[in-house]
């Protein structure tokens, strides 16, 4: 089920893997990295719910690029 709690649990899991990722990148540095996400889901913001709605929490996609040294 797609809920705030399920998203929080997924983020908690990802957080447990970040150190492993950074160590792997460090071994291969310099490494060009791109981090991005799928579109979001509205959980009641301004009365909107779901991911097929026209709201900035849905269409704003996180993106970053950097060189890991």
Protein backbone atom coordinates (compact mmCIF):
# COMPACT_ATOMS: atom_id res chain seq x y z
CA UNK A 1 0.00 0.00 0.00
CA UNK A 2 1.28 3.47 -0.89
CA UNK A 3 1.14 5.55 2.28
CA UNK A 4 3.22 8.15 4.07
CA UNK A 5 4.34 5.36 6.39
CA UNK A 6 5.43 3.10 3.51
CA UNK A 7 7.42 5.96 1.99
CA UNK A 8 9.02 6.66 5.39
CA UNK A 9 9.96 2.99 5.73
CA UNK A 10 11.53 3.00 2.26
CA UNK A 11 13.56 6.11 3.12
CA UNK A 12 14.71 4.54 6.38
CA UNK A 13 15.96 1.51 4.43
CA UNK A 14 17.77 3.71 1.89
CA UNK A 15 19.39 5.60 4.75
CA UNK A 16 20.86 2.32 6.04
CA UNK A 17 22.51 1.74 2.63
CA UNK A 18 24.04 5.19 2.02
CA UNK A 19 27.34 4.53 3.80
CA UNK A 20 27.82 1.41 1.67
CA UNK A 21 27.13 3.45 -1.47
CA UNK A 22 29.52 6.26 -0.47
CA UNK A 23 32.29 3.73 0.24
CA UNK A 24 31.80 2.09 -3.16
CA UNK A 25 31.89 5.49 -4.87
CA UNK A 26 35.01 6.44 -2.94
CA UNK A 27 36.77 3.30 -4.22
CA UNK A 28 35.93 4.31 -7.79
CA UNK A 29 36.48 8.05 -7.50
CA UNK A 30 36.34 10.37 -9.22
CA UNK A 31 32.81 9.39 -10.18
CA UNK A 32 30.18 11.51 -11.91
CA UNK A 33 26.87 10.96 -10.09
CA UNK A 34 23.30 11.76 -11.03
CA UNK A 35 20.59 11.35 -8.42
CA UNK A 36 16.95 11.74 -9.37
CA UNK A 37 13.54 10.45 -8.47
CA UNK A 38 10.25 9.55 -10.01
CA UNK A 39 7.40 12.01 -9.55
CA UNK A 40 5.86 12.33 -6.11
CA UNK A 41 2.52 11.59 -4.51
CA UNK A 42 0.19 14.05 -2.80
CA UNK A 43 -0.90 13.06 0.70
CA UNK A 44 -3.52 15.69 1.37
CA UNK A 45 -1.56 18.82 0.47
CA UNK A 46 -4.13 21.52 -0.31
CA UNK A 47 -6.78 18.80 -0.43
CA UNK A 48 -5.03 16.75 -3.15
CA UNK A 49 -4.31 13.04 -2.86
CA UNK A 50 -2.67 10.60 -5.26
CA UNK A 51 -0.09 10.96 -7.99
CA UNK A 52 -2.25 11.79 -11.00
CA UNK A 53 -3.09 15.30 -9.88
CA UNK A 54 -1.80 18.70 -10.93
CA UNK A 55 0.10 19.78 -7.83
CA UNK A 56 3.72 20.77 -7.27
CA UNK A 57 4.35 17.94 -4.78
CA UNK A 58 3.58 15.54 -7.63
CA UNK A 59 5.42 17.16 -10.52
CA UNK A 60 8.51 18.36 -8.61
CA UNK A 61 11.25 15.79 -9.23
CA UNK A 62 14.38 15.89 -7.04
CA UNK A 63 17.59 16.04 -9.09
CA UNK A 64 21.26 16.50 -8.31
CA UNK A 65 24.50 15.95 -10.17
CA UNK A 66 28.00 16.03 -8.74
CA UNK A 67 31.47 14.55 -8.97
CA UNK A 68 32.31 12.32 -6.03
CA UNK A 69 36.02 12.60 -5.13
